[in-house]
Amino acid sequence: MSTTSSPPALQAVRLRKAYPDRKGKSVVQALDGLTFEARRGTVFGLLGPNGAGKSTTVKILSTLARADEGTAVVAGVDVAADPGGVRRRIGLVSQRPSSDPAATGRENLVLAGRVQGLSKAEARQRADRLLDRFGLTGAADRPVRTWSGGMSRKLDVAIGLVHRPEVLFLDEPTTGLDPEARAEMWAEVGRLADDAMTVLLTTHYLDEADRLAHRLAIVDGGRVVVEGSPDELKSQLRGDAVHVELSSPEDAELAAKVLGDVPDLWDVTTEGAALRARAHTGARAVPQVFAALDAAGLAVESATVARPSLDDVYLQHAGRSFQEVA
């Protein structure tokens, strides 16, 4: 992994991008001053709900769209000034499949290698290595349409790697995969960083960002609301998270007022029948929570205590739960 003094592999500065809505009558602000940078040889995560601006960011950094304002540099190359230079240095795995379902896995990889300028021999050799690396050799000569979703997604990543890029963009790489396929993809993303490749990962899965990203930016409304390593972001929240589920959402407003008077409890928020709060010691606060709500005649379905999560971080900085908008 590179030192902090080396130039960043990715740098976005005050990116803005607007699109007309579907009816063409108004403008949707996809990016609103988004700024971040990622070090070489790391997995940098963009975490946010659908519509937060993650895919638009990837499109701009990979030269598929132009920013209305701001600058972007990828692998030392200015995206606007030299898009061709950027394309030679990156791999892109978009949300949509990039393979030809009628062709075999091997044919897809060889074609991708040839498109990237490899000779026939080099493309075949590279295809063999990638098929072996991703555990796809046994299915290599079958049409991709006969493959499982997890296998096809691995092939998409292999296609993005065929020319050994410096930076790989993974846009929601595990969406729609079953748990086993997700775990396999997570393992592969970890190996990419071990190979000193820089990976930009977009995701709306909290556990995925927590597990894979060395550093991440939480994106909301087209801008970065907070940035840091997962552990840094969670450690900034003092104490424990207390979650209470009421029997009726109609009781939430009164319950929030009641809990506001409980000692050692703060940041009380409501979402439907759920209440969230923070406490210095959650195990000590929960009996007080039950007692206060019972005295007010409010029925509780459950209460849990947990260490701070990325959902709590999102709530703190975006003003609402990630689960509510994802």
Protein backbone atom coordinates (compact mmCIF):
# COMPACT_ATOMS: atom_id res chain seq x y z
CA MET A 1 0.00 0.00 0.00
CA SER A 2 1.29 3.46 -0.81
CA THR A 3 2.31 6.01 1.76
CA THR A 4 0.16 9.01 2.51
CA SER A 5 2.75 11.29 0.86
CA SER A 6 2.31 9.74 -2.58
CA PRO A 7 -0.10 11.37 -5.05
CA PRO A 8 -3.68 10.10 -4.75
CA ALA A 9 -4.89 7.55 -7.26
CA LEU A 10 -8.26 9.29 -7.44
CA GLN A 11 -9.14 12.88 -6.77
CA ALA A 12 -12.49 14.58 -7.21
CA VAL A 13 -12.81 18.28 -6.37
CA ARG A 14 -16.18 20.05 -6.14
CA LEU A 15 -17.86 17.96 -8.83
CA ARG A 16 -21.28 19.15 -9.91
CA LYS A 17 -23.59 17.44 -12.38
CA ALA A 18 -27.25 18.08 -13.18
CA TYR A 19 -29.62 16.15 -15.43
CA PRO A 20 -33.07 17.02 -16.75
CA ASP A 21 -35.82 14.92 -15.22
CA ARG A 22 -37.67 12.33 -17.30
CA LYS A 23 -40.17 14.89 -18.48
CA GLY A 24 -37.47 17.44 -19.26
CA LYS A 25 -39.25 20.10 -17.23
CA SER A 26 -36.91 20.39 -14.26
CA VAL A 27 -33.32 19.65 -13.27
CA VAL A 28 -32.09 16.90 -10.96
CA GLN A 29 -28.86 17.82 -9.16
CA ALA A 30 -26.99 14.49 -9.17
CA LEU A 31 -23.73 15.89 -7.76
CA ASP A 32 -23.54 19.04 -5.68
CA GLY A 33 -19.89 19.79 -4.94
CA LEU A 34 -18.68 16.24 -4.29
CA THR A 35 -15.05 16.09 -3.15
CA PHE A 36 -12.83 13.17 -2.06
CA GLU A 37 -9.52 11.49 -2.80
CA ALA A 38 -8.30 7.89 -2.60
CA ARG A 39 -4.78 6.62 -1.99
CA ARG A 40 -3.10 4.14 -4.29
CA GLY A 41 -3.46 0.48 -3.44
CA THR A 42 -6.57 0.89 -1.32
CA VAL A 43 -10.27 0.12 -1.54
CA PHE A 44 -12.15 3.41 -1.32
CA GLY A 45 -15.88 3.13 -0.79
CA LEU A 46 -18.66 5.48 -1.83
CA LEU A 47 -21.52 4.53 0.47
CA GLY A 48 -24.98 5.93 -0.04
CA PRO A 49 -28.58 5.10 -0.95
CA ASN A 50 -29.81 4.83 -4.50
CA GLY A 51 -29.87 8.29 -6.07
CA ALA A 52 -27.12 9.67 -3.84
CA GLY A 53 -24.81 10.32 -6.81
CA LYS A 54 -22.48 7.31 -6.61
CA SER A 55 -22.95 6.03 -10.17
CA THR A 56 -22.77 9.56 -11.59
CA THR A 57 -19.40 9.93 -9.86
CA VAL A 58 -18.16 6.71 -11.45
CA LYS A 59 -19.37 7.83 -14.87
CA ILE A 60 -17.44 11.10 -14.59
CA LEU A 61 -14.24 9.48 -13.28
CA SER A 62 -14.36 6.81 -15.98
CA THR A 63 -14.97 9.41 -18.76
CA LEU A 64 -18.53 8.24 -19.55
CA ALA A 65 -19.93 11.64 -18.52
CA ARG A 66 -18.59 15.15 -18.15
CA ALA A 67 -18.94 17.19 -14.99
CA ASP A 68 -20.69 20.54 -15.22
CA GLU A 69 -18.18 21.95 -12.74
CA GLY A 70 -15.16 20.74 -10.78
CA THR A 71 -12.09 18.68 -11.59
CA ALA A 72 -11.19 15.00 -11.46
CA VAL A 73 -7.83 13.22 -11.72
CA VAL A 74 -7.47 9.45 -12.15
CA ALA A 75 -4.08 7.72 -11.92
CA GLY A 76 -2.41 11.10 -12.35
CA VAL A 77 -4.39 11.99 -15.48
CA ASP A 78 -6.91 14.83 -15.72
CA VAL A 79 -10.23 13.32 -16.78
CA ALA A 80 -11.40 16.31 -18.83
CA ALA A 81 -8.03 17.05 -20.48
CA ASP A 82 -7.03 13.49 -21.43
CA PRO A 83 -9.97 11.05 -21.32
CA GLY A 84 -8.13 8.58 -23.57
CA GLY A 85 -5.23 8.45 -21.11
CA VAL A 86 -7.67 7.74 -18.28
CA ARG A 87 -9.35 4.90 -20.20
CA ARG A 88 -6.01 3.16 -20.74
CA ARG A 89 -5.41 3.13 -16.99
CA ILE A 90 -8.77 2.01 -15.66
CA GLY A 91 -11.09 -0.95 -15.58
CA LEU A 92 -14.84 -0.51 -15.19
CA VAL A 93 -17.39 -2.95 -13.84
CA SER A 94 -20.74 -1.23 -14.17
CA GLN A 95 -24.07 -2.32 -12.74
CA ARG A 96 -25.09 -3.78 -16.10
CA PRO A 97 -23.41 -6.98 -17.39
CA SER A 98 -20.56 -6.33 -19.80
CA SER A 99 -20.28 -9.82 -21.28
CA ASP A 100 -21.96 -11.26 -24.38
CA PRO A 101 -24.36 -13.96 -23.08
CA ALA A 102 -24.18 -15.88 -26.37
CA ALA A 103 -20.38 -16.17 -26.25
CA THR A 104 -18.39 -18.37 -23.91
CA GLY A 105 -16.54 -16.99 -20.93
CA ARG A 106 -13.23 -17.59 -22.63
CA GLU A 107 -14.39 -15.85 -25.82
CA ASN A 108 -15.55 -12.83 -23.82
CA LEU A 109 -12.20 -12.48 -22.09
CA VAL A 110 -10.13 -12.96 -25.24
CA LEU A 111 -12.22 -10.34 -27.06
CA ALA A 112 -11.83 -7.91 -24.16
CA GLY A 113 -8.08 -8.43 -24.24
CA ARG A 114 -7.91 -7.81 -27.96
CA VAL A 115 -9.98 -4.62 -27.60
CA GLN A 116 -7.45 -3.46 -25.01
CA GLY A 117 -4.58 -4.00 -27.43
CA LEU A 118 -3.27 -7.42 -26.39
CA SER A 119 -2.04 -9.81 -29.06
CA LYS A 120 -3.98 -13.04 -29.67
CA ALA A 121 -1.47 -15.04 -27.67
CA GLU A 122 -1.41 -12.51 -24.83
CA ALA A 123 -5.20 -12.31 -24.73
CA ARG A 124 -5.56 -16.10 -24.57
CA GLN A 125 -2.93 -16.39 -21.87
CA ARG A 126 -4.50 -13.61 -19.84
CA ALA A 127 -7.97 -15.18 -20.25
CA ASP A 128 -6.69 -18.52 -18.95
CA ARG A 129 -5.13 -16.88 -15.91
CA LEU A 130 -8.25 -14.91 -15.04
CA LEU A 131 -10.55 -17.88 -15.52
CA ASP A 132 -8.39 -19.83 -13.11
CA ARG A 133 -8.17 -16.95 -10.62
CA PHE A 134 -11.95 -16.58 -10.45
CA GLY A 135 -12.67 -20.32 -10.38
CA LEU A 136 -14.37 -20.23 -13.78
CA THR A 137 -12.19 -22.65 -15.76
CA GLY A 138 -14.74 -25.46 -15.60
CA ALA A 139 -17.39 -23.29 -17.25
CA ALA A 140 -15.03 -21.38 -19.55
CA ASP A 141 -16.29 -22.92 -22.80
CA ARG A 142 -19.99 -22.72 -22.04
CA PRO A 143 -22.14 -19.78 -23.20
CA VAL A 144 -22.40 -17.17 -20.45
CA ARG A 145 -26.19 -17.32 -20.60
CA THR A 146 -25.92 -20.76 -18.94
CA TRP A 147 -23.91 -19.37 -16.00
CA SER A 148 -25.23 -18.41 -12.57
CA GLY A 149 -25.52 -14.77 -11.57
CA GLY A 150 -22.49 -15.02 -9.31
CA MET A 151 -20.36 -16.56 -12.05
CA SER A 152 -21.42 -13.91 -14.55
CA ARG A 153 -20.55 -11.15 -12.10
CA LYS A 154 -17.09 -12.65 -11.58
CA LEU A 155 -16.65 -12.63 -15.35
CA ASP A 156 -17.56 -8.93 -15.45
CA VAL A 157 -14.79 -8.23 -12.93
CA ALA A 158 -12.34 -10.39 -14.89
CA ILE A 159 -13.15 -8.43 -18.05
CA GLY A 160 -12.40 -5.22 -16.15
CA LEU A 161 -9.01 -6.64 -15.13
CA VAL A 162 -7.91 -8.10 -18.45
CA HIS A 163 -5.51 -5.24 -19.27
CA ARG A 164 -4.13 -4.92 -15.70
CA PRO A 165 -5.55 -1.45 -14.94
CA GLU A 166 -4.14 0.83 -12.25
CA VAL A 167 -7.63 1.72 -11.01
CA LEU A 168 -10.72 -0.47 -11.03
CA PHE A 169 -14.23 0.94 -10.65
CA LEU A 170 -16.74 -1.47 -9.11
CA ASP A 171 -20.23 0.02 -9.29
CA GLU A 172 -22.55 -1.93 -6.95
CA PRO A 173 -20.74 -5.22 -7.75
CA THR A 174 -22.80 -7.50 -5.47
CA THR A 175 -26.32 -6.24 -6.11
CA GLY A 176 -28.62 -9.20 -6.71
CA LEU A 177 -26.10 -11.84 -5.66
CA ASP A 178 -26.90 -14.55 -3.12
CA PRO A 179 -24.96 -14.58 0.17
CA GLU A 180 -22.44 -17.16 -1.01
CA ALA A 181 -21.69 -15.27 -4.23
CA ARG A 182 -21.41 -12.01 -2.27
CA ALA A 183 -18.86 -13.57 0.08
CA GLU A 184 -16.81 -14.82 -2.87
CA MET A 185 -16.88 -11.36 -4.46
CA TRP A 186 -15.81 -9.77 -1.17
CA ALA A 187 -12.82 -12.10 -1.02
CA GLU A 188 -11.82 -11.16 -4.55
CA VAL A 189 -12.07 -7.43 -3.87
CA GLY A 190 -9.77 -7.91 -0.91
CA ARG A 191 -7.23 -9.67 -3.12
CA LEU A 192 -7.32 -6.80 -5.62
CA ALA A 193 -6.15 -4.36 -2.97
CA ASP A 194 -3.46 -6.83 -1.91
CA ASP A 195 -2.22 -6.66 -5.53
CA ALA A 196 -1.64 -2.89 -5.05
CA MET A 197 -4.57 -1.99 -7.30
CA THR A 198 -6.76 0.96 -6.36
CA VAL A 199 -10.44 0.06 -6.20
CA LEU A 200 -13.33 2.51 -6.10
CA LEU A 201 -16.31 0.60 -4.73
CA THR A 202 -19.82 2.01 -4.77
CA THR A 203 -22.35 0.27 -2.59
CA HIS A 204 -25.55 0.72 -0.63
CA TYR A 205 -24.73 -2.22 1.63
CA LEU A 206 -23.48 -1.08 5.03
CA ASP A 207 -21.81 -4.40 5.82
CA GLU A 208 -20.02 -4.38 2.47
CA ALA A 209 -18.53 -0.94 3.03
CA ASP A 210 -17.58 -1.83 6.60
CA ARG A 211 -15.89 -5.04 5.52
CA LEU A 212 -14.06 -3.96 2.36
CA ALA A 213 -13.26 -0.24 2.43
CA HIS A 214 -9.99 0.99 3.87
CA ARG A 215 -11.58 4.42 3.72
CA LEU A 216 -15.03 5.55 2.65
CA ALA A 217 -17.10 8.61 1.93
CA ILE A 218 -20.75 8.63 2.89
CA VAL A 219 -22.64 10.36 0.08
CA ASP A 220 -26.03 12.00 0.44
CA GLY A 221 -27.71 14.41 -1.95
CA GLY A 222 -24.74 14.47 -4.31
CA ARG A 223 -22.14 15.50 -1.74
CA VAL A 224 -19.86 13.86 0.81
CA VAL A 225 -21.30 14.30 4.29
CA VAL A 226 -18.45 12.55 6.13
CA GLU A 227 -15.27 10.67 5.20
CA GLY A 228 -12.88 8.36 7.04
CA SER A 229 -12.11 4.72 7.73
CA PRO A 230 -15.09 2.68 8.97
CA ASP A 231 -13.51 2.35 12.42
CA GLU A 232 -12.72 6.08 12.60
CA LEU A 233 -16.27 7.04 11.70
CA LYS A 234 -17.84 4.66 14.20
CA SER A 235 -15.45 5.64 16.98
CA GLN A 236 -16.49 9.29 16.63
CA LEU A 237 -19.89 8.36 18.07
CA ARG A 238 -19.69 8.22 21.85
CA GLY A 239 -21.23 5.39 23.80
CA ASP A 240 -23.69 2.70 22.71
CA ALA A 241 -26.64 2.74 20.35
CA VAL A 242 -29.98 1.91 21.97
CA HIS A 243 -32.78 0.79 19.64
CA VAL A 244 -36.35 0.50 20.92
CA GLU A 245 -39.29 -0.94 18.96
CA LEU A 246 -42.70 0.22 20.15
CA SER A 247 -45.95 -1.66 19.72
CA SER A 248 -47.50 1.27 17.85
CA PRO A 249 -45.94 4.03 15.71
CA GLU A 250 -48.60 6.39 17.09
CA ASP A 251 -46.75 6.29 20.43
CA ALA A 252 -43.41 7.40 18.98
CA GLU A 253 -43.75 11.14 19.56
CA LEU A 254 -44.74 10.72 23.21
CA ALA A 255 -42.06 8.05 23.72
CA ALA A 256 -39.38 10.40 22.40
CA LYS A 257 -40.43 13.05 24.90
CA VAL A 258 -40.38 10.50 27.72
CA LEU A 259 -36.93 9.22 26.80
CA GLY A 260 -35.66 12.77 26.57
CA ASP A 261 -35.95 12.89 30.36
CA VAL A 262 -34.01 9.67 30.96
CA PRO A 263 -30.54 10.38 32.43
CA ASP A 264 -27.52 9.29 30.39
CA LEU A 265 -29.58 9.18 27.17
CA TRP A 266 -29.28 11.60 24.24
CA ASP A 267 -29.83 11.98 20.47
CA VAL A 268 -33.31 10.45 20.65
CA THR A 269 -34.85 10.07 17.17
CA THR A 270 -37.91 8.26 15.81
CA GLU A 271 -38.69 6.35 12.62
CA GLY A 272 -42.17 4.89 12.58
CA ALA A 273 -42.46 2.68 15.64
CA ALA A 274 -38.67 2.61 16.16
CA LEU A 275 -36.70 4.88 18.48
CA ARG A 276 -32.95 5.36 18.47
CA ALA A 277 -30.85 6.94 21.16
CA ARG A 278 -27.30 7.00 22.46
CA ALA A 279 -26.12 6.16 25.95
CA HIS A 280 -22.75 6.09 27.71
CA THR A 281 -23.51 2.53 28.86
CA GLY A 282 -26.36 0.90 26.99
CA ALA A 283 -26.84 -2.02 29.37
CA ARG A 284 -27.34 0.42 32.24
CA ALA A 285 -29.71 2.65 30.27
CA VAL A 286 -32.09 -0.04 28.96
CA PRO A 287 -33.77 -0.78 32.35
CA GLN A 288 -34.35 2.95 32.76
CA VAL A 289 -35.84 3.10 29.26
CA PHE A 290 -38.27 0.25 30.02
CA ALA A 291 -39.24 1.81 33.35
CA ALA A 292 -39.87 5.26 31.84
CA LEU A 293 -41.96 3.94 28.94
CA ASP A 294 -43.92 1.59 31.20
CA ALA A 295 -44.71 4.46 33.56
CA ALA A 296 -46.06 6.41 30.59
CA GLY A 297 -48.24 3.46 29.56
CA LEU A 298 -46.31 2.82 26.35
CA ALA A 299 -45.86 -0.79 25.21
CA VAL A 300 -42.44 -1.93 24.01
CA GLU A 301 -41.89 -4.83 21.62
CA SER A 302 -38.11 -5.01 21.99
CA ALA A 303 -34.97 -3.11 22.94
CA THR A 304 -31.42 -3.76 21.82
CA VAL A 305 -28.00 -2.34 22.58
CA ALA A 306 -25.15 -2.28 20.06
CA ARG A 307 -21.85 -0.63 19.41
CA PRO A 308 -22.05 2.24 16.87
CA SER A 309 -22.59 1.13 13.28
CA LEU A 310 -22.25 2.86 9.92
CA ASP A 311 -26.04 3.26 9.99
CA ASP A 312 -25.62 5.30 13.18
CA VAL A 313 -22.89 7.33 11.45
CA TYR A 314 -25.21 8.03 8.51
CA LEU A 315 -28.01 9.02 10.88
CA GLN A 316 -25.68 11.39 12.71
CA HIS A 317 -24.46 13.18 9.58
CA ALA A 318 -27.39 12.91 7.16
CA GLY A 319 -30.17 13.36 9.70
CA ARG A 320 -31.99 10.11 8.92
CA SER A 321 -31.39 6.38 8.99
CA PHE A 322 -29.60 4.82 6.05
CA GLN A 323 -32.07 1.92 6.12
CA GLU A 324 -34.90 4.42 5.68
CA VAL A 325 -33.62 5.69 2.33
CA ALA A 326 -31.57 2.79 0.89
